[in-house]
Amino acid sequence: MLLTDCDGVLTDGGVYYGETGEVLKKFNIRDGMGVERLRNLAGVDTGIVTGERSPSVVKRAEKLKIEELHLGIKDKLTLLAEILERRQLLAEEVAFIGDDVNDVAVLQVVGLSCCPADATIWNKNVAVYCCETKGGAGCFREVAELIIQAKTIKSHQSTETHQVA
């Protein structure tokens, strides 16, 4: 499973205000393709865990068919524990992308901890993988492709092992 923060990962962290004061966020289309490719090519579910409550995040999750959507989360580590228990996963089986200090606790316990190129220094010090791309510029897709590649290699090696035996 690949979980991600939203603002600063799926978006550039900027906020746009419409004429009537509504908050708008810009999402990267390549990240959306990453969600679909993970699901279809690697069988990996995705989820969004964010401290914000934004209708645009709900719309994005609906469009991408992301079922694990958690808004207004202040304690992401507790939520992670709930997700692990409900899905019967180990923390080592989860990847997480986080860009700011409120993500560090989760980054410290998951199997694959990642951050965008423009994450805080605290995240960069903890993350196993720091993306070459910035938040909102395709960093989710970058991590998705790494996971797809790793699962493809593992599957290929497993097939070769069975053929040799």
N, C-alpha and C. Protein backbone atom coordinates (compact mmCIF):
# COMPACT_ATOMS: atom_id res chain seq x y z
N MET A 1 0.84 -1.17 0.00
CA MET A 1 0.00 0.00 0.00
C MET A 1 0.89 1.24 0.00
N LEU A 2 0.50 2.22 -0.79
CA LEU A 2 1.19 3.51 -0.82
C LEU A 2 0.26 4.59 -0.29
N LEU A 3 0.63 5.15 0.85
CA LEU A 3 -0.11 6.26 1.45
C LEU A 3 0.66 7.55 1.21
N THR A 4 -0.06 8.65 1.11
CA THR A 4 0.60 9.93 0.88
C THR A 4 -0.12 11.06 1.58
N ASP A 5 0.64 12.05 1.97
CA ASP A 5 0.08 13.32 2.38
C ASP A 5 -0.44 13.98 1.11
N CYS A 6 -1.20 15.05 1.25
CA CYS A 6 -1.72 15.72 0.05
C CYS A 6 -0.96 17.02 -0.23
N ASP A 7 -1.16 18.02 0.62
CA ASP A 7 -0.54 19.33 0.37
C ASP A 7 0.97 19.24 0.48
N GLY A 8 1.65 19.60 -0.58
CA GLY A 8 3.10 19.53 -0.62
C GLY A 8 3.62 18.24 -1.24
N VAL A 9 2.72 17.29 -1.49
CA VAL A 9 3.09 16.05 -2.18
C VAL A 9 2.28 15.93 -3.47
N LEU A 10 0.97 15.81 -3.33
CA LEU A 10 0.11 15.76 -4.52
C LEU A 10 -0.13 17.15 -5.10
N THR A 11 0.11 18.17 -4.28
CA THR A 11 0.03 19.55 -4.75
C THR A 11 1.37 20.22 -4.46
N ASP A 12 1.54 21.42 -4.96
CA ASP A 12 2.78 22.15 -4.70
C ASP A 12 2.76 22.87 -3.35
N GLY A 13 1.70 22.67 -2.60
CA GLY A 13 1.59 23.31 -1.29
C GLY A 13 0.96 24.69 -1.36
N GLY A 14 0.77 25.19 -2.56
CA GLY A 14 0.14 26.50 -2.73
C GLY A 14 -1.37 26.40 -2.61
N VAL A 15 -1.99 27.52 -2.30
CA VAL A 15 -3.44 27.58 -2.19
C VAL A 15 -3.94 28.69 -3.10
N TYR A 16 -4.96 28.38 -3.86
CA TYR A 16 -5.60 29.36 -4.73
C TYR A 16 -6.98 29.66 -4.17
N TYR A 17 -7.38 30.94 -4.19
CA TYR A 17 -8.70 31.31 -3.72
C TYR A 17 -9.53 31.77 -4.90
N GLY A 18 -10.74 31.22 -5.02
CA GLY A 18 -11.67 31.65 -6.05
C GLY A 18 -12.32 32.96 -5.65
N GLU A 19 -13.11 33.52 -6.54
CA GLU A 19 -13.76 34.81 -6.30
C GLU A 19 -14.64 34.81 -5.06
N THR A 20 -15.25 33.68 -4.76
CA THR A 20 -16.14 33.60 -3.60
C THR A 20 -15.43 33.08 -2.36
N GLY A 21 -14.11 32.94 -2.43
CA GLY A 21 -13.33 32.50 -1.27
C GLY A 21 -13.08 31.01 -1.19
N GLU A 22 -13.57 30.25 -2.16
CA GLU A 22 -13.34 28.81 -2.12
C GLU A 22 -11.86 28.52 -2.36
N VAL A 23 -11.38 27.49 -1.68
CA VAL A 23 -9.98 27.09 -1.78
C VAL A 23 -9.84 26.10 -2.94
N LEU A 24 -8.90 26.38 -3.82
CA LEU A 24 -8.64 25.51 -4.97
C LEU A 24 -7.21 24.97 -4.89
N LYS A 25 -7.03 23.74 -5.33
CA LYS A 25 -5.71 23.12 -5.35
C LYS A 25 -5.44 22.57 -6.73
N LYS A 26 -4.19 22.60 -7.13
CA LYS A 26 -3.79 22.06 -8.43
C LYS A 26 -3.11 20.71 -8.23
N PHE A 27 -3.62 19.71 -8.93
CA PHE A 27 -3.06 18.36 -8.86
C PHE A 27 -2.37 18.04 -10.18
N ASN A 28 -1.35 17.19 -10.11
CA ASN A 28 -0.59 16.80 -11.29
C ASN A 28 -1.22 15.56 -11.93
N ILE A 29 -1.53 15.64 -13.19
CA ILE A 29 -2.15 14.53 -13.91
C ILE A 29 -1.27 13.28 -13.90
N ARG A 30 0.05 13.47 -13.95
CA ARG A 30 0.96 12.31 -13.94
C ARG A 30 0.84 11.52 -12.64
N ASP A 31 0.60 12.22 -11.52
CA ASP A 31 0.40 11.51 -10.26
C ASP A 31 -0.84 10.63 -10.33
N GLY A 32 -1.89 11.15 -10.96
CA GLY A 32 -3.12 10.36 -11.13
C GLY A 32 -2.87 9.10 -11.94
N MET A 33 -2.06 9.21 -12.97
CA MET A 33 -1.71 8.03 -13.76
C MET A 33 -0.91 7.05 -12.90
N GLY A 34 -0.10 7.57 -11.98
CA GLY A 34 0.64 6.71 -11.06
C GLY A 34 -0.28 5.87 -10.19
N VAL A 35 -1.37 6.48 -9.72
CA VAL A 35 -2.36 5.74 -8.92
C VAL A 35 -2.93 4.59 -9.74
N GLU A 36 -3.33 4.88 -10.97
CA GLU A 36 -3.91 3.86 -11.84
C GLU A 36 -2.90 2.77 -12.18
N ARG A 37 -1.67 3.16 -12.47
CA ARG A 37 -0.64 2.17 -12.82
C ARG A 37 -0.32 1.27 -11.63
N LEU A 38 -0.25 1.84 -10.44
CA LEU A 38 -0.01 1.03 -9.25
C LEU A 38 -1.10 -0.02 -9.08
N ARG A 39 -2.33 0.42 -9.23
CA ARG A 39 -3.48 -0.48 -9.06
C ARG A 39 -3.47 -1.57 -10.13
N ASN A 40 -3.29 -1.18 -11.38
CA ASN A 40 -3.44 -2.11 -12.49
C ASN A 40 -2.22 -2.99 -12.76
N LEU A 41 -1.03 -2.45 -12.57
CA LEU A 41 0.18 -3.20 -12.90
C LEU A 41 0.81 -3.90 -11.71
N ALA A 42 0.60 -3.36 -10.51
CA ALA A 42 1.27 -3.92 -9.34
C ALA A 42 0.31 -4.39 -8.25
N GLY A 43 -0.98 -4.13 -8.42
CA GLY A 43 -1.95 -4.54 -7.41
C GLY A 43 -1.78 -3.81 -6.09
N VAL A 44 -1.29 -2.58 -6.15
CA VAL A 44 -1.03 -1.79 -4.94
C VAL A 44 -2.12 -0.75 -4.74
N ASP A 45 -2.74 -0.78 -3.57
CA ASP A 45 -3.74 0.22 -3.21
C ASP A 45 -3.05 1.50 -2.76
N THR A 46 -3.76 2.61 -2.88
CA THR A 46 -3.23 3.90 -2.47
C THR A 46 -4.20 4.58 -1.51
N GLY A 47 -3.67 5.55 -0.78
CA GLY A 47 -4.51 6.31 0.13
C GLY A 47 -3.94 7.68 0.38
N ILE A 48 -4.83 8.60 0.76
CA ILE A 48 -4.44 9.97 1.08
C ILE A 48 -4.73 10.21 2.55
N VAL A 49 -3.73 10.74 3.26
CA VAL A 49 -3.86 11.09 4.67
C VAL A 49 -3.43 12.54 4.81
N THR A 50 -4.37 13.42 5.10
CA THR A 50 -4.06 14.84 5.15
C THR A 50 -4.67 15.52 6.37
N GLY A 51 -4.00 16.53 6.83
CA GLY A 51 -4.50 17.31 7.95
C GLY A 51 -5.58 18.29 7.55
N GLU A 52 -5.71 18.54 6.27
CA GLU A 52 -6.69 19.50 5.76
C GLU A 52 -8.03 18.83 5.47
N ARG A 53 -9.05 19.66 5.37
CA ARG A 53 -10.39 19.21 4.96
C ARG A 53 -10.77 20.02 3.72
N SER A 54 -10.50 19.46 2.57
CA SER A 54 -10.70 20.20 1.33
C SER A 54 -11.59 19.43 0.37
N PRO A 55 -12.67 20.07 -0.11
CA PRO A 55 -13.53 19.41 -1.09
C PRO A 55 -12.78 19.01 -2.37
N SER A 56 -11.75 19.76 -2.73
CA SER A 56 -11.01 19.42 -3.95
C SER A 56 -10.24 18.11 -3.78
N VAL A 57 -9.80 17.81 -2.57
CA VAL A 57 -9.12 16.54 -2.31
C VAL A 57 -10.12 15.39 -2.42
N VAL A 58 -11.32 15.60 -1.92
CA VAL A 58 -12.37 14.59 -2.03
C VAL A 58 -12.66 14.31 -3.50
N LYS A 59 -12.80 15.35 -4.30
CA LYS A 59 -13.07 15.19 -5.73
C LYS A 59 -11.95 14.42 -6.42
N ARG A 60 -10.71 14.76 -6.08
CA ARG A 60 -9.56 14.09 -6.70
C ARG A 60 -9.55 12.61 -6.33
N ALA A 61 -9.79 12.31 -5.06
CA ALA A 61 -9.81 10.91 -4.61
C ALA A 61 -10.94 10.14 -5.29
N GLU A 62 -12.09 10.77 -5.44
CA GLU A 62 -13.21 10.10 -6.12
C GLU A 62 -12.84 9.80 -7.57
N LYS A 63 -12.26 10.77 -8.25
CA LYS A 63 -11.89 10.57 -9.66
C LYS A 63 -10.91 9.42 -9.82
N LEU A 64 -9.97 9.31 -8.88
CA LEU A 64 -8.94 8.27 -8.97
C LEU A 64 -9.35 6.96 -8.29
N LYS A 65 -10.56 6.93 -7.74
CA LYS A 65 -11.08 5.74 -7.05
C LYS A 65 -10.19 5.33 -5.88
N ILE A 66 -9.73 6.33 -5.13
CA ILE A 66 -8.93 6.09 -3.92
C ILE A 66 -9.90 5.92 -2.76
N GLU A 67 -9.93 4.73 -2.19
CA GLU A 67 -10.86 4.44 -1.10
C GLU A 67 -10.35 4.88 0.26
N GLU A 68 -9.06 4.82 0.46
CA GLU A 68 -8.48 5.25 1.74
C GLU A 68 -8.25 6.75 1.69
N LEU A 69 -9.26 7.52 2.04
CA LEU A 69 -9.17 8.98 2.07
C LEU A 69 -9.45 9.43 3.49
N HIS A 70 -8.48 10.10 4.09
CA HIS A 70 -8.60 10.53 5.48
C HIS A 70 -8.27 12.01 5.57
N LEU A 71 -9.29 12.81 5.87
CA LEU A 71 -9.16 14.27 5.95
C LEU A 71 -9.14 14.73 7.40
N GLY A 72 -8.48 15.85 7.65
CA GLY A 72 -8.46 16.45 8.98
C GLY A 72 -7.71 15.62 10.01
N ILE A 73 -6.74 14.86 9.59
CA ILE A 73 -6.01 13.96 10.49
C ILE A 73 -4.84 14.70 11.12
N LYS A 74 -4.88 14.82 12.43
CA LYS A 74 -3.79 15.47 13.16
C LYS A 74 -2.76 14.46 13.66
N ASP A 75 -3.20 13.24 13.95
CA ASP A 75 -2.30 12.19 14.43
C ASP A 75 -2.23 11.09 13.37
N LYS A 76 -1.33 11.25 12.44
CA LYS A 76 -1.22 10.32 11.31
C LYS A 76 -0.71 8.95 11.73
N LEU A 77 0.08 8.90 12.79
CA LEU A 77 0.62 7.63 13.26
C LEU A 77 -0.49 6.74 13.81
N THR A 78 -1.41 7.32 14.57
CA THR A 78 -2.55 6.56 15.08
C THR A 78 -3.42 6.06 13.94
N LEU A 79 -3.65 6.91 12.95
CA LEU A 79 -4.43 6.49 11.78
C LEU A 79 -3.73 5.35 11.05
N LEU A 80 -2.42 5.45 10.90
CA LEU A 80 -1.67 4.37 10.24
C LEU A 80 -1.91 3.05 10.96
N ALA A 81 -1.85 3.07 12.28
CA ALA A 81 -2.08 1.84 13.06
C ALA A 81 -3.48 1.27 12.79
N GLU A 82 -4.46 2.14 12.67
CA GLU A 82 -5.83 1.69 12.37
C GLU A 82 -5.91 1.07 10.98
N ILE A 83 -5.26 1.69 10.01
CA ILE A 83 -5.26 1.15 8.64
C ILE A 83 -4.57 -0.21 8.61
N LEU A 84 -3.43 -0.31 9.29
CA LEU A 84 -2.69 -1.57 9.33
C LEU A 84 -3.55 -2.68 9.92
N GLU A 85 -4.22 -2.38 11.02
CA GLU A 85 -5.05 -3.40 11.67
C GLU A 85 -6.22 -3.80 10.77
N ARG A 86 -6.90 -2.82 10.22
CA ARG A 86 -8.08 -3.10 9.38
C ARG A 86 -7.71 -3.89 8.13
N ARG A 87 -6.58 -3.56 7.53
CA ARG A 87 -6.16 -4.22 6.29
C ARG A 87 -5.24 -5.42 6.54
N GLN A 88 -4.95 -5.68 7.79
CA GLN A 88 -4.06 -6.78 8.18
C GLN A 88 -2.72 -6.69 7.46
N LEU A 89 -2.11 -5.52 7.58
CA LEU A 89 -0.80 -5.25 6.99
C LEU A 89 0.22 -5.01 8.09
N LEU A 90 1.47 -5.19 7.75
CA LEU A 90 2.57 -4.78 8.62
C LEU A 90 3.05 -3.41 8.14
N ALA A 91 3.62 -2.64 9.05
CA ALA A 91 4.14 -1.32 8.67
C ALA A 91 5.17 -1.44 7.55
N GLU A 92 5.91 -2.54 7.54
CA GLU A 92 6.94 -2.76 6.52
C GLU A 92 6.34 -2.92 5.12
N GLU A 93 5.05 -3.20 5.05
CA GLU A 93 4.38 -3.40 3.76
C GLU A 93 3.78 -2.11 3.21
N VAL A 94 4.05 -1.00 3.89
CA VAL A 94 3.47 0.29 3.51
C VAL A 94 4.58 1.26 3.12
N ALA A 95 4.32 2.00 2.05
CA ALA A 95 5.17 3.13 1.66
C ALA A 95 4.39 4.40 1.99
N PHE A 96 5.11 5.46 2.34
CA PHE A 96 4.46 6.74 2.67
C PHE A 96 5.30 7.87 2.10
N ILE A 97 4.60 8.86 1.53
CA ILE A 97 5.27 10.07 1.03
C ILE A 97 4.79 11.24 1.87
N GLY A 98 5.72 11.93 2.51
CA GLY A 98 5.37 13.08 3.34
C GLY A 98 6.37 14.19 3.19
N ASP A 99 5.89 15.42 3.26
CA ASP A 99 6.75 16.57 2.99
C ASP A 99 7.04 17.48 4.18
N ASP A 100 6.31 17.31 5.29
CA ASP A 100 6.48 18.27 6.38
C ASP A 100 6.57 17.54 7.72
N VAL A 101 6.84 18.30 8.77
CA VAL A 101 7.13 17.73 10.08
C VAL A 101 6.01 16.84 10.62
N ASN A 102 4.77 17.11 10.26
CA ASN A 102 3.67 16.28 10.75
C ASN A 102 3.63 14.90 10.10
N ASP A 103 4.52 14.64 9.17
CA ASP A 103 4.63 13.34 8.51
C ASP A 103 5.80 12.50 9.03
N VAL A 104 6.69 13.10 9.78
CA VAL A 104 7.94 12.44 10.18
C VAL A 104 7.69 11.17 10.98
N ALA A 105 6.75 11.18 11.91
CA ALA A 105 6.49 9.99 12.74
C ALA A 105 6.10 8.79 11.88
N VAL A 106 5.29 9.02 10.86
CA VAL A 106 4.90 7.93 9.96
C VAL A 106 6.09 7.49 9.12
N LEU A 107 6.87 8.44 8.64
CA LEU A 107 8.05 8.10 7.84
C LEU A 107 9.01 7.20 8.61
N GLN A 108 9.05 7.35 9.92
CA GLN A 108 9.98 6.58 10.74
C GLN A 108 9.59 5.12 10.91
N VAL A 109 8.32 4.77 10.64
CA VAL A 109 7.88 3.39 10.91
C VAL A 109 7.51 2.57 9.69
N VAL A 110 7.29 3.21 8.55
CA VAL A 110 6.86 2.45 7.36
C VAL A 110 8.04 1.76 6.68
N GLY A 111 7.71 0.84 5.80
CA GLY A 111 8.74 0.09 5.09
C GLY A 111 9.50 0.90 4.07
N LEU A 112 8.82 1.82 3.40
CA LEU A 112 9.46 2.68 2.41
C LEU A 112 9.02 4.11 2.67
N SER A 113 9.93 4.91 3.21
CA SER A 113 9.63 6.31 3.53
C SER A 113 10.21 7.21 2.45
N CYS A 114 9.35 8.08 1.92
CA CYS A 114 9.74 8.93 0.79
C CYS A 114 9.32 10.37 1.05
N CYS A 115 10.01 11.29 0.36
CA CYS A 115 9.62 12.70 0.45
C CYS A 115 9.92 13.38 -0.88
N PRO A 116 9.18 14.47 -1.16
CA PRO A 116 9.45 15.24 -2.37
C PRO A 116 10.80 15.95 -2.28
N ALA A 117 11.30 16.39 -3.40
CA ALA A 117 12.59 17.09 -3.44
C ALA A 117 12.57 18.36 -2.60
N ASP A 118 11.41 18.99 -2.46
CA ASP A 118 11.31 20.24 -1.71
C ASP A 118 10.72 20.06 -0.31
N ALA A 119 10.84 18.85 0.23
CA ALA A 119 10.37 18.58 1.60
C ALA A 119 11.26 19.30 2.61
N THR A 120 10.79 19.34 3.85
CA THR A 120 11.59 19.95 4.91
C THR A 120 12.83 19.10 5.18
N ILE A 121 13.80 19.70 5.78
CA ILE A 121 15.04 19.01 6.11
C ILE A 121 14.79 17.83 7.05
N TRP A 122 13.79 17.96 7.93
CA TRP A 122 13.47 16.87 8.86
C TRP A 122 12.99 15.65 8.10
N ASN A 123 12.18 15.86 7.09
CA ASN A 123 11.71 14.74 6.28
C ASN A 123 12.85 14.12 5.48
N LYS A 124 13.68 14.97 4.92
CA LYS A 124 14.81 14.46 4.13
C LYS A 124 15.77 13.65 4.98
N ASN A 125 15.93 14.01 6.25
CA ASN A 125 16.82 13.27 7.13
C ASN A 125 16.27 11.90 7.51
N VAL A 126 14.96 11.73 7.45
CA VAL A 126 14.31 10.48 7.86
C VAL A 126 14.00 9.58 6.66
N ALA A 127 13.65 10.17 5.54
CA ALA A 127 13.19 9.39 4.38
C ALA A 127 14.30 8.51 3.81
N VAL A 128 13.93 7.32 3.42
CA VAL A 128 14.85 6.40 2.75
C VAL A 128 15.06 6.86 1.31
N TYR A 129 14.01 7.44 0.72
CA TYR A 129 14.09 7.89 -0.67
C TYR A 129 13.59 9.32 -0.78
N CYS A 130 14.45 10.21 -1.26
CA CYS A 130 14.07 11.59 -1.55
C CYS A 130 13.92 11.72 -3.06
N CYS A 131 12.73 12.10 -3.47
CA CYS A 131 12.43 12.20 -4.91
C CYS A 131 13.28 13.27 -5.58
N GLU A 132 13.46 13.11 -6.87
CA GLU A 132 14.09 14.14 -7.68
C GLU A 132 13.09 15.23 -8.03
N THR A 133 11.80 14.89 -7.98
CA THR A 133 10.75 15.84 -8.32
C THR A 133 10.14 16.46 -7.07
N LYS A 134 9.63 17.66 -7.24
CA LYS A 134 9.01 18.40 -6.13
C LYS A 134 7.56 17.98 -5.94
N GLY A 135 7.02 18.39 -4.80
CA GLY A 135 5.61 18.17 -4.54
C GLY A 135 4.77 18.87 -5.59
N GLY A 136 3.73 18.19 -6.07
CA GLY A 136 2.87 18.75 -7.10
C GLY A 136 3.44 18.67 -8.50
N ALA A 137 4.66 18.18 -8.62
CA ALA A 137 5.33 18.11 -9.93
C ALA A 137 5.57 16.67 -10.38
N GLY A 138 4.91 15.72 -9.72
CA GLY A 138 5.06 14.33 -10.12
C GLY A 138 5.83 13.45 -9.16
N CYS A 139 6.04 13.89 -7.92
CA CYS A 139 6.81 13.04 -6.99
C CYS A 139 6.05 11.76 -6.64
N PHE A 140 4.72 11.83 -6.57
CA PHE A 140 3.95 10.61 -6.32
C PHE A 140 4.20 9.61 -7.44
N ARG A 141 4.16 10.07 -8.67
CA ARG A 141 4.38 9.20 -9.83
C ARG A 141 5.77 8.59 -9.77
N GLU A 142 6.76 9.38 -9.36
CA GLU A 142 8.13 8.87 -9.26
C GLU A 142 8.19 7.68 -8.30
N VAL A 143 7.57 7.81 -7.14
CA VAL A 143 7.56 6.71 -6.17
C VAL A 143 6.74 5.54 -6.71
N ALA A 144 5.61 5.83 -7.33
CA ALA A 144 4.77 4.77 -7.90
C ALA A 144 5.56 3.93 -8.90
N GLU A 145 6.31 4.58 -9.76
CA GLU A 145 7.09 3.85 -10.77
C GLU A 145 8.19 3.01 -10.13
N LEU A 146 8.79 3.49 -9.05
CA LEU A 146 9.79 2.69 -8.33
C LEU A 146 9.16 1.42 -7.78
N ILE A 147 7.97 1.56 -7.20
CA ILE A 147 7.28 0.40 -6.64
C ILE A 147 6.89 -0.58 -7.74
N ILE A 148 6.36 -0.07 -8.83
CA ILE A 148 5.98 -0.93 -9.96
C ILE A 148 7.20 -1.68 -10.47
N GLN A 149 8.30 -0.97 -10.63
CA GLN A 149 9.53 -1.60 -11.12
C GLN A 149 10.01 -2.69 -10.15
N ALA A 150 10.00 -2.38 -8.86
CA ALA A 150 10.45 -3.36 -7.86
C ALA A 150 9.55 -4.59 -7.85
N LYS A 151 8.26 -4.40 -7.93
CA LYS A 151 7.33 -5.53 -7.94
C LYS A 151 7.48 -6.35 -9.23
N THR A 152 7.74 -5.68 -10.34
CA THR A 152 7.93 -6.38 -11.61
C THR A 152 9.20 -7.24 -11.56
N ILE A 153 10.28 -6.68 -11.02
CA ILE A 153 11.53 -7.42 -10.89
C ILE A 153 11.34 -8.61 -9.97
N LYS A 154 10.67 -8.39 -8.83
CA LYS A 154 10.45 -9.47 -7.87
C LYS A 154 9.61 -10.58 -8.50
N SER A 155 8.57 -10.20 -9.24
CA SER A 155 7.71 -11.18 -9.91
C SER A 155 8.50 -11.95 -10.96
N HIS A 156 9.34 -11.25 -11.70
CA HIS A 156 10.16 -11.89 -12.74
C HIS A 156 11.14 -12.87 -12.11
N GLN A 157 11.77 -12.47 -11.00
CA GLN A 157 12.72 -13.35 -10.31
C GLN A 157 12.01 -14.58 -9.77
N SER A 158 10.81 -14.40 -9.25
CA SER A 158 10.03 -15.52 -8.72
C SER A 158 9.69 -16.50 -9.83
N THR A 159 9.34 -16.00 -10.99
CA THR A 159 9.03 -16.84 -12.15
C THR A 159 10.26 -17.61 -12.59
N GLU A 160 11.41 -16.94 -12.63
CA GLU A 160 12.66 -17.60 -13.04
C GLU A 160 13.03 -18.70 -12.05
N THR A 161 12.84 -18.45 -10.76
CA THR A 161 13.17 -19.43 -9.73
C THR A 161 12.32 -20.68 -9.92
N HIS A 162 11.04 -20.50 -10.20
CA HIS A 162 10.15 -21.64 -10.40
C HIS A 162 10.52 -22.41 -11.67
N GLN A 163 10.98 -21.72 -12.69
CA GLN A 163 11.34 -22.38 -13.94
C GLN A 163 12.63 -23.19 -13.78
N VAL A 164 13.55 -22.70 -12.96
CA VAL A 164 14.82 -23.38 -12.75
C VAL A 164 14.60 -24.65 -11.94
N ALA A 165 13.74 -24.59 -10.98
CA ALA A 165 13.49 -25.73 -10.09
C ALA A 165 12.81 -26.84 -10.79
